[in-house]
C-alpha cells in the first residue's frame, strides 16, 4: 500500500517516510523541491496548483494513503497590523488549498488522508493570527472531507513545536535557546523530534475506525 507524503523529504514528512521505508512500505515523496531520500520515489510538484496536482496523479496513479506536512511560514507570524493579503495566501495555500486539491484529484482507491495542523489553532499567541487561522481551518476541513469523501478516512495530526530545520528561519541563531525554553515548560519535558510524530501519523493512517478527528501530539503545549 503506497503512501504519498507531501513534504516527504524534509522534517516531519521525512521522518514518516523513513519509518514507512524501514518496514518495506512504498513511499512517494513529493514537494516543490524534493531532496534525495533513498528508497522513495520523488515527485516535484506544487500542491497549490490544480494543474500540478492533477498531473502528478496522472503520473503516479492510485495511492492508499496521502499525508501532507506542507507549510510556509514566511509571513505567517506577524502582528495583525503588519499582515498583508499575500501573507494570508502563502499560509493558507499549502495548508488549506493544497489538501482540497489533493482530495479533488486523488484517484479512486484512496483509504486515508492525513493533514498536518498545529496546536496554535487551539492556543494562539500574539503575532500568530495567520497561522492559527490556517490550522483552525484544517480542523474544520477534515470534518467536512470525512463526510464528503467517506469511506475515505480524513484526519488532522496537530503537533506542537518540533525540532526541525524550519526553526532556522523562525529563530536563526536562537533556535536552540527557544526550543530548550519551550521544552522546559512542557509536561513531557522537551519539544518533539520529527521521529516522535511518525507513530501518530501511522495510527491515523491505519486505524479503520478513526475519521474526522484531530489528534494532538504536542507534548501538552496546549496546556501551558
N, C-alpha and C. Protein backbone atom coordinates (compact mmCIF):
# COMPACT_ATOMS: atom_id res chain seq x y z
N UNK A 1 0.85 -1.19 0.00
CA UNK A 1 0.00 0.00 0.00
C UNK A 1 0.89 1.24 0.00
N UNK A 2 0.81 2.00 -1.07
CA UNK A 2 1.70 3.14 -1.26
C UNK A 2 1.18 4.37 -0.52
N UNK A 3 2.12 5.10 0.11
CA UNK A 3 1.80 6.35 0.79
C UNK A 3 2.44 7.50 0.04
N UNK A 4 1.63 8.51 -0.28
CA UNK A 4 2.11 9.76 -0.86
C UNK A 4 2.27 10.75 0.27
N UNK A 5 3.49 11.27 0.44
CA UNK A 5 3.77 12.22 1.51
C UNK A 5 4.17 13.55 0.88
N UNK A 6 3.35 14.56 1.09
CA UNK A 6 3.66 15.90 0.61
C UNK A 6 4.59 16.54 1.64
N UNK A 7 5.76 16.97 1.19
CA UNK A 7 6.80 17.41 2.12
C UNK A 7 7.56 16.23 2.68
N UNK A 8 7.66 15.15 1.90
CA UNK A 8 8.18 13.90 2.42
C UNK A 8 9.69 13.77 2.46
N UNK A 9 10.43 14.79 2.05
CA UNK A 9 11.89 14.66 2.11
C UNK A 9 12.53 15.61 3.11
N UNK A 10 11.71 16.30 3.89
CA UNK A 10 12.24 17.19 4.92
C UNK A 10 11.41 17.04 6.19
N UNK A 11 12.02 17.34 7.32
CA UNK A 11 11.31 17.47 8.58
C UNK A 11 10.45 16.29 8.96
N UNK A 12 9.22 16.60 9.36
CA UNK A 12 8.27 15.58 9.83
C UNK A 12 7.96 14.58 8.73
N UNK A 13 7.76 15.08 7.52
CA UNK A 13 7.44 14.19 6.41
C UNK A 13 8.54 13.19 6.15
N UNK A 14 9.78 13.62 6.25
CA UNK A 14 10.91 12.72 6.01
C UNK A 14 10.97 11.64 7.10
N UNK A 15 10.70 12.02 8.34
CA UNK A 15 10.71 11.04 9.43
C UNK A 15 9.65 9.98 9.21
N UNK A 16 8.45 10.40 8.76
CA UNK A 16 7.40 9.43 8.47
C UNK A 16 7.80 8.54 7.30
N UNK A 17 8.34 9.16 6.25
CA UNK A 17 8.78 8.38 5.09
C UNK A 17 9.82 7.35 5.49
N UNK A 18 10.76 7.73 6.33
CA UNK A 18 11.81 6.81 6.76
C UNK A 18 11.23 5.64 7.55
N UNK A 19 10.22 5.93 8.39
CA UNK A 19 9.59 4.86 9.17
C UNK A 19 8.88 3.87 8.25
N UNK A 20 8.19 4.38 7.24
CA UNK A 20 7.49 3.50 6.30
C UNK A 20 8.47 2.69 5.46
N UNK A 21 9.51 3.35 4.99
CA UNK A 21 10.50 2.64 4.17
C UNK A 21 11.20 1.55 4.98
N UNK A 22 11.43 1.81 6.27
CA UNK A 22 12.11 0.83 7.11
C UNK A 22 11.30 -0.46 7.26
N UNK A 23 9.98 -0.35 7.15
CA UNK A 23 9.15 -1.55 7.24
C UNK A 23 8.80 -2.11 5.88
N UNK A 24 9.36 -1.54 4.83
CA UNK A 24 9.16 -2.06 3.48
C UNK A 24 7.95 -1.53 2.75
N UNK A 25 7.35 -0.45 3.25
CA UNK A 25 6.17 0.12 2.60
C UNK A 25 6.59 1.12 1.53
N UNK A 26 5.98 1.09 0.35
CA UNK A 26 6.34 2.03 -0.72
C UNK A 26 5.96 3.47 -0.35
N UNK A 27 6.83 4.39 -0.70
CA UNK A 27 6.62 5.81 -0.40
C UNK A 27 6.88 6.64 -1.64
N UNK A 28 5.99 7.59 -1.90
CA UNK A 28 6.21 8.64 -2.89
C UNK A 28 6.34 9.94 -2.12
N UNK A 29 7.49 10.59 -2.22
CA UNK A 29 7.75 11.85 -1.52
C UNK A 29 7.69 12.99 -2.52
N UNK A 30 6.78 13.93 -2.28
CA UNK A 30 6.53 14.98 -3.25
C UNK A 30 6.62 16.36 -2.60
N UNK A 31 7.20 17.30 -3.33
CA UNK A 31 7.27 18.68 -2.86
C UNK A 31 7.74 19.54 -4.02
N UNK A 32 7.82 20.84 -3.78
CA UNK A 32 8.33 21.75 -4.81
C UNK A 32 9.76 21.39 -5.19
N UNK A 33 10.56 21.06 -4.19
CA UNK A 33 11.97 20.79 -4.43
C UNK A 33 12.41 19.60 -3.58
N UNK A 34 12.03 18.39 -3.97
CA UNK A 34 12.33 17.22 -3.14
C UNK A 34 13.82 16.95 -3.04
N UNK A 35 14.24 16.55 -1.84
CA UNK A 35 15.62 16.17 -1.60
C UNK A 35 15.76 14.66 -1.72
N UNK A 36 16.96 14.21 -1.90
CA UNK A 36 17.21 12.78 -2.05
C UNK A 36 16.73 12.02 -0.81
N UNK A 37 16.02 10.92 -1.06
CA UNK A 37 15.56 10.05 0.02
C UNK A 37 15.65 8.62 -0.49
N UNK A 38 16.72 7.91 -0.15
CA UNK A 38 16.92 6.56 -0.68
C UNK A 38 15.72 5.65 -0.42
N UNK A 39 15.28 5.01 -1.48
CA UNK A 39 14.18 4.07 -1.38
C UNK A 39 12.84 4.64 -1.75
N UNK A 40 12.72 5.96 -1.78
CA UNK A 40 11.45 6.60 -2.09
C UNK A 40 11.43 7.06 -3.54
N UNK A 41 10.25 7.08 -4.12
CA UNK A 41 10.06 7.73 -5.42
C UNK A 41 9.85 9.21 -5.17
N UNK A 42 10.53 10.05 -5.91
CA UNK A 42 10.43 11.50 -5.73
C UNK A 42 9.58 12.11 -6.82
N UNK A 43 8.75 13.07 -6.43
CA UNK A 43 7.92 13.82 -7.37
C UNK A 43 8.05 15.30 -7.06
N UNK A 44 8.31 16.10 -8.09
CA UNK A 44 8.36 17.55 -7.94
C UNK A 44 7.05 18.14 -8.44
N UNK A 45 6.37 18.89 -7.55
CA UNK A 45 5.09 19.47 -7.95
C UNK A 45 4.74 20.59 -6.98
N UNK A 46 3.69 21.34 -7.31
CA UNK A 46 3.20 22.44 -6.49
C UNK A 46 1.82 22.09 -5.97
N UNK A 47 1.69 21.88 -4.66
CA UNK A 47 0.43 21.43 -4.08
C UNK A 47 -0.66 22.49 -4.16
N UNK A 48 -0.28 23.73 -4.46
CA UNK A 48 -1.28 24.80 -4.56
C UNK A 48 -1.74 25.03 -5.99
N UNK A 49 -1.27 24.23 -6.94
CA UNK A 49 -1.65 24.36 -8.35
C UNK A 49 -2.49 23.18 -8.77
N UNK A 50 -3.72 23.44 -9.22
CA UNK A 50 -4.60 22.36 -9.66
C UNK A 50 -3.97 21.58 -10.80
N UNK A 51 -3.37 22.27 -11.77
CA UNK A 51 -2.75 21.58 -12.89
C UNK A 51 -1.61 20.68 -12.44
N UNK A 52 -0.82 21.16 -11.48
CA UNK A 52 0.32 20.39 -11.00
C UNK A 52 -0.14 19.16 -10.23
N UNK A 53 -1.16 19.32 -9.39
CA UNK A 53 -1.68 18.19 -8.62
C UNK A 53 -2.29 17.15 -9.54
N UNK A 54 -3.09 17.60 -10.50
CA UNK A 54 -3.72 16.67 -11.44
C UNK A 54 -2.67 15.92 -12.24
N UNK A 55 -1.65 16.62 -12.71
CA UNK A 55 -0.59 15.99 -13.48
C UNK A 55 0.18 14.96 -12.66
N UNK A 56 0.42 15.27 -11.39
CA UNK A 56 1.13 14.31 -10.54
C UNK A 56 0.34 13.02 -10.40
N UNK A 57 -0.96 13.13 -10.14
CA UNK A 57 -1.76 11.91 -10.00
C UNK A 57 -1.84 11.13 -11.31
N UNK A 58 -1.80 11.84 -12.43
CA UNK A 58 -1.75 11.14 -13.72
C UNK A 58 -0.49 10.29 -13.82
N UNK A 59 0.62 10.78 -13.25
CA UNK A 59 1.89 10.05 -13.31
C UNK A 59 1.93 8.89 -12.34
N UNK A 60 1.45 9.10 -11.12
CA UNK A 60 1.68 8.09 -10.07
C UNK A 60 0.52 7.12 -9.91
N UNK A 61 -0.67 7.49 -10.36
CA UNK A 61 -1.81 6.59 -10.24
C UNK A 61 -2.31 6.49 -8.81
N UNK A 62 -2.88 5.35 -8.48
CA UNK A 62 -3.54 5.14 -7.20
C UNK A 62 -2.54 5.05 -6.04
N UNK A 63 -2.91 5.68 -4.93
CA UNK A 63 -2.16 5.53 -3.68
C UNK A 63 -3.16 5.16 -2.59
N UNK A 64 -2.68 4.50 -1.55
CA UNK A 64 -3.56 4.09 -0.45
C UNK A 64 -3.72 5.18 0.59
N UNK A 65 -2.64 5.93 0.83
CA UNK A 65 -2.67 6.96 1.87
C UNK A 65 -2.00 8.23 1.36
N UNK A 66 -2.57 9.36 1.75
CA UNK A 66 -1.95 10.66 1.49
C UNK A 66 -1.72 11.32 2.84
N UNK A 67 -0.50 11.81 3.04
CA UNK A 67 -0.17 12.61 4.22
C UNK A 67 0.45 13.91 3.71
N UNK A 68 -0.06 15.03 4.19
CA UNK A 68 0.56 16.29 3.79
C UNK A 68 1.09 17.02 5.02
N UNK A 69 2.36 17.39 4.95
CA UNK A 69 3.02 18.16 6.01
C UNK A 69 3.42 19.54 5.48
N UNK A 70 2.91 19.90 4.32
CA UNK A 70 3.34 21.13 3.66
C UNK A 70 2.98 22.36 4.48
N UNK A 71 3.91 23.31 4.54
CA UNK A 71 3.69 24.55 5.28
C UNK A 71 4.62 25.61 4.74
N UNK A 72 4.17 26.87 4.78
CA UNK A 72 5.03 28.02 4.52
C UNK A 72 4.90 28.96 5.70
N UNK A 73 6.04 29.33 6.28
CA UNK A 73 5.99 30.18 7.47
C UNK A 73 6.43 31.60 7.19
N UNK A 74 6.92 31.89 5.97
CA UNK A 74 7.33 33.27 5.69
C UNK A 74 6.08 34.15 5.66
N UNK A 75 6.00 35.08 6.60
CA UNK A 75 4.86 35.98 6.72
C UNK A 75 3.75 35.43 7.58
N UNK A 76 3.85 34.17 8.01
CA UNK A 76 2.76 33.57 8.79
C UNK A 76 2.77 34.04 10.24
N UNK A 77 3.90 34.56 10.71
CA UNK A 77 4.00 35.06 12.07
C UNK A 77 4.28 36.56 12.01
N UNK A 78 3.26 37.34 12.30
CA UNK A 78 3.38 38.80 12.28
C UNK A 78 2.21 39.40 13.02
N UNK A 79 2.40 40.55 13.65
CA UNK A 79 1.26 41.21 14.28
C UNK A 79 0.21 41.58 13.23
N UNK A 80 -1.05 41.63 13.65
CA UNK A 80 -2.14 41.90 12.72
C UNK A 80 -1.89 43.18 11.92
N UNK A 81 -1.33 44.18 12.57
CA UNK A 81 -1.10 45.46 11.90
C UNK A 81 -0.14 45.34 10.73
N UNK A 82 0.65 44.26 10.70
CA UNK A 82 1.64 44.09 9.63
C UNK A 82 1.23 43.03 8.62
N UNK A 83 0.13 42.33 8.85
CA UNK A 83 -0.28 41.23 7.97
C UNK A 83 -0.76 41.77 6.63
N UNK A 84 -0.34 41.13 5.55
CA UNK A 84 -0.77 41.50 4.21
C UNK A 84 -1.58 40.37 3.59
N UNK A 85 -2.38 40.66 2.56
CA UNK A 85 -3.10 39.59 1.86
C UNK A 85 -2.16 38.50 1.33
N UNK A 86 -0.97 38.88 0.90
CA UNK A 86 0.00 37.89 0.42
C UNK A 86 0.42 36.93 1.53
N UNK A 87 0.57 37.46 2.76
CA UNK A 87 0.92 36.60 3.89
C UNK A 87 -0.15 35.53 4.11
N UNK A 88 -1.41 35.96 4.03
CA UNK A 88 -2.52 35.02 4.24
C UNK A 88 -2.55 33.98 3.12
N UNK A 89 -2.36 34.42 1.89
CA UNK A 89 -2.39 33.50 0.75
C UNK A 89 -1.27 32.47 0.86
N UNK A 90 -0.07 32.90 1.26
CA UNK A 90 1.05 31.97 1.39
C UNK A 90 0.78 30.92 2.46
N UNK A 91 0.22 31.35 3.59
CA UNK A 91 -0.02 30.41 4.69
C UNK A 91 -1.15 29.43 4.37
N UNK A 92 -2.23 29.94 3.78
CA UNK A 92 -3.40 29.10 3.51
C UNK A 92 -3.19 28.21 2.29
N UNK A 93 -2.29 28.59 1.37
CA UNK A 93 -2.09 27.81 0.16
C UNK A 93 -1.77 26.36 0.42
N UNK A 94 -0.62 26.05 1.03
CA UNK A 94 -0.26 24.65 1.25
C UNK A 94 -1.09 23.97 2.33
N UNK A 95 -1.59 24.73 3.30
CA UNK A 95 -2.29 24.11 4.42
C UNK A 95 -3.77 23.84 4.14
N UNK A 96 -4.41 24.67 3.33
CA UNK A 96 -5.85 24.54 3.12
C UNK A 96 -6.19 24.25 1.65
N UNK A 97 -5.70 25.11 0.75
CA UNK A 97 -5.96 24.87 -0.67
C UNK A 97 -5.33 23.55 -1.12
N UNK A 98 -4.11 23.29 -0.70
CA UNK A 98 -3.43 22.06 -1.10
C UNK A 98 -4.22 20.80 -0.78
N UNK A 99 -4.63 20.60 0.48
CA UNK A 99 -5.44 19.42 0.79
C UNK A 99 -6.74 19.34 0.00
N UNK A 100 -7.37 20.48 -0.26
CA UNK A 100 -8.59 20.45 -1.07
C UNK A 100 -8.29 19.94 -2.48
N UNK A 101 -7.18 20.38 -3.05
CA UNK A 101 -6.83 19.91 -4.40
C UNK A 101 -6.45 18.43 -4.38
N UNK A 102 -5.74 18.00 -3.36
CA UNK A 102 -5.40 16.58 -3.24
C UNK A 102 -6.67 15.73 -3.15
N UNK A 103 -7.63 16.20 -2.36
CA UNK A 103 -8.90 15.48 -2.24
C UNK A 103 -9.67 15.49 -3.56
N UNK A 104 -9.59 16.60 -4.26
CA UNK A 104 -10.32 16.75 -5.52
C UNK A 104 -9.81 15.81 -6.60
N UNK A 105 -8.49 15.65 -6.70
CA UNK A 105 -7.91 14.94 -7.84
C UNK A 105 -7.37 13.56 -7.52
N UNK A 106 -7.38 13.15 -6.27
CA UNK A 106 -6.89 11.81 -5.94
C UNK A 106 -7.73 10.75 -6.64
N UNK A 107 -7.11 9.77 -7.28
CA UNK A 107 -7.87 8.74 -7.99
C UNK A 107 -8.55 7.78 -7.02
N UNK A 108 -9.50 7.00 -7.50
CA UNK A 108 -10.16 6.00 -6.64
C UNK A 108 -9.13 5.04 -6.04
N UNK A 109 -9.47 4.51 -4.89
CA UNK A 109 -8.59 3.58 -4.21
C UNK A 109 -7.95 4.14 -2.95
N UNK A 110 -8.14 5.44 -2.71
CA UNK A 110 -7.56 6.07 -1.53
C UNK A 110 -8.26 5.54 -0.27
N UNK A 111 -7.47 5.24 0.76
CA UNK A 111 -8.02 4.77 2.04
C UNK A 111 -8.03 5.86 3.10
N UNK A 112 -6.99 6.68 3.14
CA UNK A 112 -6.94 7.71 4.18
C UNK A 112 -6.18 8.93 3.70
N UNK A 113 -6.50 10.05 4.32
CA UNK A 113 -5.79 11.30 4.07
C UNK A 113 -5.56 11.96 5.43
N UNK A 114 -4.33 12.34 5.70
CA UNK A 114 -3.97 12.96 6.97
C UNK A 114 -3.33 14.31 6.69
N UNK A 115 -3.90 15.36 7.27
CA UNK A 115 -3.44 16.73 7.06
C UNK A 115 -2.79 17.22 8.35
N UNK A 116 -1.66 17.88 8.22
CA UNK A 116 -0.94 18.37 9.40
C UNK A 116 -1.41 19.76 9.78
N UNK A 117 -1.91 19.89 11.00
CA UNK A 117 -2.34 21.18 11.52
C UNK A 117 -1.32 21.72 12.51
N UNK A 118 -1.80 22.22 13.64
CA UNK A 118 -0.90 22.76 14.65
C UNK A 118 -1.66 23.17 15.90
N UNK A 119 -0.98 23.06 17.05
CA UNK A 119 -1.63 23.33 18.34
C UNK A 119 -2.15 24.76 18.44
N UNK A 120 -1.55 25.69 17.67
CA UNK A 120 -1.95 27.10 17.82
C UNK A 120 -3.34 27.38 17.28
N UNK A 121 -3.98 26.39 16.64
CA UNK A 121 -5.40 26.55 16.33
C UNK A 121 -6.22 26.61 17.61
N UNK A 122 -5.73 25.97 18.67
CA UNK A 122 -6.44 25.95 19.95
C UNK A 122 -5.81 26.89 20.99
N UNK A 123 -4.50 27.16 20.83
CA UNK A 123 -3.82 28.05 21.78
C UNK A 123 -2.96 29.04 21.00
N UNK A 124 -3.60 30.05 20.40
CA UNK A 124 -2.84 31.03 19.61
C UNK A 124 -2.03 31.96 20.50
N UNK A 125 -1.03 32.58 19.88
CA UNK A 125 -0.19 33.55 20.58
C UNK A 125 -0.19 34.85 19.80
N UNK A 126 0.13 35.97 20.46
CA UNK A 126 0.22 37.23 19.74
C UNK A 126 1.19 37.12 18.57
N UNK A 127 0.79 37.66 17.43
CA UNK A 127 1.62 37.59 16.24
C UNK A 127 1.42 36.31 15.45
N UNK A 128 0.50 35.47 15.87
CA UNK A 128 0.30 34.21 15.19
C UNK A 128 -1.10 34.03 14.63
N UNK A 129 -1.79 35.13 14.33
CA UNK A 129 -3.18 35.01 13.89
C UNK A 129 -3.31 34.29 12.56
N UNK A 130 -2.39 34.51 11.64
CA UNK A 130 -2.50 33.91 10.31
C UNK A 130 -2.32 32.40 10.38
N UNK A 131 -1.27 31.94 11.05
CA UNK A 131 -1.03 30.51 11.12
C UNK A 131 -2.08 29.82 11.99
N UNK A 132 -2.57 30.50 13.03
CA UNK A 132 -3.63 29.92 13.85
C UNK A 132 -4.91 29.74 13.03
N UNK A 133 -5.21 30.73 12.20
CA UNK A 133 -6.41 30.63 11.36
C UNK A 133 -6.27 29.50 10.34
N UNK A 134 -5.09 29.35 9.75
CA UNK A 134 -4.88 28.28 8.78
C UNK A 134 -5.02 26.91 9.44
N UNK A 135 -4.45 26.75 10.63
CA UNK A 135 -4.55 25.47 11.32
C UNK A 135 -5.97 25.21 11.81
N UNK A 136 -6.68 26.25 12.20
CA UNK A 136 -8.08 26.07 12.56
C UNK A 136 -8.92 25.65 11.38
N UNK A 137 -8.62 26.21 10.23
CA UNK A 137 -9.34 25.83 9.01
C UNK A 137 -9.12 24.36 8.68
N UNK A 138 -7.92 23.85 8.93
CA UNK A 138 -7.65 22.44 8.68
C UNK A 138 -8.55 21.55 9.52
N UNK A 139 -8.72 21.89 10.80
CA UNK A 139 -9.57 21.07 11.66
C UNK A 139 -11.00 21.03 11.14
N UNK A 140 -11.50 22.16 10.66
CA UNK A 140 -12.85 22.18 10.08
C UNK A 140 -12.89 21.39 8.77
N UNK A 141 -11.83 21.52 7.98
CA UNK A 141 -11.77 20.86 6.68
C UNK A 141 -11.81 19.34 6.82
N UNK A 142 -11.07 18.79 7.79
CA UNK A 142 -11.05 17.33 7.90
C UNK A 142 -12.43 16.79 8.28
N UNK A 143 -13.17 17.53 9.09
CA UNK A 143 -14.51 17.07 9.45
C UNK A 143 -15.42 17.05 8.22
N UNK A 144 -15.31 18.09 7.40
CA UNK A 144 -16.14 18.16 6.19
C UNK A 144 -15.74 17.09 5.19
N UNK A 145 -14.43 16.91 4.97
CA UNK A 145 -13.98 15.92 4.00
C UNK A 145 -14.27 14.50 4.46
N UNK A 146 -14.24 14.26 5.78
CA UNK A 146 -14.54 12.93 6.29
C UNK A 146 -15.96 12.51 5.93
N UNK A 147 -16.87 13.48 5.88
CA UNK A 147 -18.24 13.21 5.47
C UNK A 147 -18.33 13.06 3.96
N UNK A 148 -17.74 14.01 3.23
CA UNK A 148 -17.91 14.03 1.78
C UNK A 148 -17.16 12.91 1.07
N UNK A 149 -15.99 12.54 1.59
CA UNK A 149 -15.17 11.53 0.91
C UNK A 149 -15.38 10.13 1.45
N UNK A 150 -16.22 9.95 2.46
CA UNK A 150 -16.42 8.63 3.05
C UNK A 150 -16.71 7.60 1.95
N UNK A 151 -16.10 6.39 2.06
CA UNK A 151 -15.43 5.81 3.23
C UNK A 151 -13.95 6.14 3.38
N UNK A 152 -13.42 7.05 2.55
CA UNK A 152 -12.04 7.51 2.79
C UNK A 152 -12.01 8.19 4.16
N UNK A 153 -11.04 7.83 4.97
CA UNK A 153 -10.91 8.43 6.30
C UNK A 153 -10.00 9.66 6.20
N UNK A 154 -10.43 10.78 6.80
CA UNK A 154 -9.69 12.03 6.74
C UNK A 154 -9.49 12.55 8.16
N UNK A 155 -8.24 12.82 8.52
CA UNK A 155 -7.92 13.26 9.88
C UNK A 155 -6.85 14.34 9.87
N UNK A 156 -6.70 14.97 11.03
CA UNK A 156 -5.68 16.00 11.24
C UNK A 156 -4.73 15.55 12.34
N UNK A 157 -3.45 15.67 12.09
CA UNK A 157 -2.42 15.47 13.13
C UNK A 157 -1.92 16.85 13.53
N UNK A 158 -2.05 17.18 14.81
CA UNK A 158 -1.74 18.53 15.28
C UNK A 158 -0.55 18.49 16.24
N UNK A 159 0.65 18.81 15.76
CA UNK A 159 1.81 18.82 16.65
C UNK A 159 1.98 20.17 17.34
N UNK A 160 2.86 20.16 18.33
CA UNK A 160 3.35 21.41 18.91
C UNK A 160 4.66 21.78 18.23
N UNK A 161 5.56 22.40 18.99
CA UNK A 161 6.86 22.73 18.42
C UNK A 161 7.64 21.44 18.16
N UNK A 162 8.26 21.37 16.99
CA UNK A 162 9.04 20.20 16.59
C UNK A 162 10.43 20.68 16.17
N UNK A 163 11.44 20.02 16.63
CA UNK A 163 12.83 20.41 16.33
C UNK A 163 13.20 19.96 14.92
N UNK A 164 12.91 20.84 13.94
CA UNK A 164 13.25 20.59 12.54
C UNK A 164 13.95 21.84 11.99
N UNK A 165 14.39 21.72 10.75
CA UNK A 165 15.13 22.82 10.13
C UNK A 165 14.30 24.08 9.95
N UNK A 166 12.98 23.99 10.06
CA UNK A 166 12.15 25.18 9.89
C UNK A 166 12.50 26.24 10.94
N UNK A 167 13.07 25.79 12.07
CA UNK A 167 13.43 26.74 13.11
C UNK A 167 14.64 27.59 12.74
N UNK A 168 15.38 27.18 11.75
CA UNK A 168 16.47 28.03 11.28
C UNK A 168 15.93 29.34 10.73
N UNK A 169 14.78 29.29 10.04
CA UNK A 169 14.18 30.51 9.51
C UNK A 169 13.35 31.23 10.56
N UNK A 170 12.78 30.49 11.50
CA UNK A 170 11.94 31.12 12.52
C UNK A 170 12.76 31.80 13.62
N UNK A 171 13.89 31.19 13.99
CA UNK A 171 14.64 31.68 15.15
C UNK A 171 16.10 31.96 14.88
N UNK A 172 16.64 31.48 13.76
CA UNK A 172 18.04 31.73 13.46
C UNK A 172 18.96 31.16 14.53
N UNK A 173 19.92 31.98 14.97
CA UNK A 173 20.90 31.53 15.95
C UNK A 173 20.28 31.24 17.31
N UNK A 174 19.06 31.73 17.55
CA UNK A 174 18.40 31.50 18.83
C UNK A 174 17.59 30.21 18.84
N UNK A 175 17.73 29.40 17.79
CA UNK A 175 16.93 28.17 17.68
C UNK A 175 17.02 27.30 18.92
N UNK A 176 18.23 26.91 19.28
CA UNK A 176 18.41 26.00 20.41
C UNK A 176 17.87 26.57 21.70
N UNK A 177 18.12 27.85 21.94
CA UNK A 177 17.65 28.50 23.17
C UNK A 177 16.13 28.50 23.25
N UNK A 178 15.47 28.82 22.14
CA UNK A 178 14.00 28.88 22.15
C UNK A 178 13.38 27.50 22.32
N UNK A 179 13.94 26.50 21.66
CA UNK A 179 13.40 25.16 21.79
C UNK A 179 13.61 24.61 23.20
N UNK A 180 14.77 24.87 23.77
CA UNK A 180 15.04 24.40 25.13
C UNK A 180 14.11 25.07 26.13
N UNK A 181 13.85 26.36 25.94
CA UNK A 181 12.97 27.09 26.86
C UNK A 181 11.55 26.53 26.80
N UNK A 182 11.06 26.26 25.59
CA UNK A 182 9.73 25.68 25.48
C UNK A 182 9.70 24.28 26.05
N UNK A 183 10.71 23.49 25.76
CA UNK A 183 10.76 22.14 26.29
C UNK A 183 10.68 22.10 27.81
N UNK A 184 11.32 23.06 28.46
CA UNK A 184 11.30 23.11 29.92
C UNK A 184 9.90 23.40 30.46
N UNK A 185 9.06 24.03 29.64
CA UNK A 185 7.69 24.34 30.06
C UNK A 185 6.73 23.19 29.85
N UNK A 186 7.04 22.30 28.94
CA UNK A 186 6.09 21.27 28.55
C UNK A 186 5.98 20.16 29.60
N UNK A 187 4.80 19.59 29.78
CA UNK A 187 4.66 18.48 30.71
C UNK A 187 5.57 17.31 30.39
N UNK A 188 5.89 17.08 29.10
CA UNK A 188 6.76 15.96 28.74
C UNK A 188 8.23 16.30 28.85
N UNK A 189 8.58 17.57 29.09
CA UNK A 189 9.95 17.96 29.38
C UNK A 189 10.83 18.30 28.20
N UNK A 190 10.31 18.20 26.97
CA UNK A 190 11.10 18.57 25.80
C UNK A 190 10.17 18.75 24.61
N UNK A 191 10.64 19.50 23.60
CA UNK A 191 9.89 19.58 22.36
C UNK A 191 10.10 18.29 21.57
N UNK A 192 9.24 18.06 20.60
CA UNK A 192 9.29 16.81 19.84
C UNK A 192 10.43 16.81 18.84
N UNK A 193 10.93 15.62 18.56
CA UNK A 193 11.73 15.41 17.36
C UNK A 193 10.77 14.97 16.26
N UNK A 194 11.20 15.06 15.02
CA UNK A 194 10.33 14.65 13.92
C UNK A 194 9.93 13.18 14.05
N UNK A 195 10.85 12.34 14.50
CA UNK A 195 10.55 10.91 14.61
C UNK A 195 9.53 10.61 15.69
N UNK A 196 9.34 11.51 16.66
CA UNK A 196 8.31 11.30 17.68
C UNK A 196 6.92 11.26 17.08
N UNK A 197 6.73 11.93 15.94
CA UNK A 197 5.39 12.07 15.38
C UNK A 197 5.01 10.95 14.43
N UNK A 198 5.99 10.21 13.92
CA UNK A 198 5.69 9.16 12.94
C UNK A 198 4.65 8.16 13.45
N UNK A 199 4.76 7.66 14.70
CA UNK A 199 3.74 6.70 15.16
C UNK A 199 2.34 7.29 15.18
N UNK A 200 2.21 8.59 15.46
CA UNK A 200 0.89 9.21 15.47
C UNK A 200 0.28 9.24 14.07
N UNK A 201 1.10 9.57 13.07
CA UNK A 201 0.61 9.52 11.69
C UNK A 201 0.19 8.10 11.32
N UNK A 202 0.99 7.12 11.71
CA UNK A 202 0.67 5.74 11.35
C UNK A 202 -0.65 5.30 11.98
N UNK A 203 -0.92 5.76 13.19
CA UNK A 203 -2.20 5.45 13.82
C UNK A 203 -3.36 6.00 13.00
N UNK A 204 -3.27 7.26 12.59
CA UNK A 204 -4.35 7.86 11.81
C UNK A 204 -4.48 7.21 10.45
N UNK A 205 -3.38 6.81 9.85
CA UNK A 205 -3.42 6.15 8.55
C UNK A 205 -4.07 4.77 8.62
N UNK A 206 -3.84 4.06 9.71
CA UNK A 206 -4.12 2.63 9.71
C UNK A 206 -5.31 2.20 10.57
N UNK A 207 -5.71 3.02 11.52
CA UNK A 207 -6.85 2.63 12.34
C UNK A 207 -8.14 2.80 11.55
N UNK A 208 -8.88 1.73 11.29
CA UNK A 208 -10.03 1.81 10.40
C UNK A 208 -11.24 2.50 10.99
N UNK A 209 -11.16 2.90 12.29
CA UNK A 209 -12.32 3.48 12.93
C UNK A 209 -12.06 4.91 13.42
N UNK A 210 -11.06 5.58 12.83
CA UNK A 210 -10.78 6.97 13.17
C UNK A 210 -10.96 7.82 11.92
N UNK A 211 -11.88 8.76 11.96
CA UNK A 211 -12.06 9.71 10.85
C UNK A 211 -12.70 10.99 11.38
N UNK A 212 -12.40 12.10 10.71
CA UNK A 212 -12.93 13.39 11.11
C UNK A 212 -12.37 13.88 12.42
N UNK A 213 -11.19 13.42 12.79
CA UNK A 213 -10.62 13.64 14.12
C UNK A 213 -9.33 14.46 14.04
N UNK A 214 -9.11 15.28 15.07
CA UNK A 214 -7.81 15.93 15.26
C UNK A 214 -7.10 15.25 16.41
N UNK A 215 -5.94 14.69 16.11
CA UNK A 215 -5.11 14.03 17.12
C UNK A 215 -3.97 14.97 17.49
N UNK A 216 -3.88 15.34 18.76
CA UNK A 216 -2.82 16.23 19.22
C UNK A 216 -1.61 15.42 19.66
N UNK A 217 -0.46 15.77 19.13
CA UNK A 217 0.82 15.19 19.53
C UNK A 217 1.75 16.35 19.85
N UNK A 218 1.36 17.13 20.87
CA UNK A 218 2.01 18.42 21.13
C UNK A 218 2.74 18.46 22.46
N UNK A 219 2.89 17.31 23.13
CA UNK A 219 3.61 17.29 24.40
C UNK A 219 2.93 18.08 25.50
N UNK A 220 1.64 18.38 25.30
CA UNK A 220 0.91 19.18 26.28
C UNK A 220 1.04 20.68 26.06
N UNK A 221 1.47 21.08 24.89
CA UNK A 221 1.71 22.50 24.65
C UNK A 221 0.43 23.33 24.68
N UNK A 222 -0.71 22.71 24.43
CA UNK A 222 -1.98 23.44 24.57
C UNK A 222 -2.27 23.82 26.00
N UNK A 223 -1.59 23.22 26.94
CA UNK A 223 -1.94 23.38 28.35
C UNK A 223 -1.07 24.39 29.07
N UNK A 224 0.01 24.85 28.45
CA UNK A 224 0.95 25.70 29.18
C UNK A 224 1.08 27.07 28.52
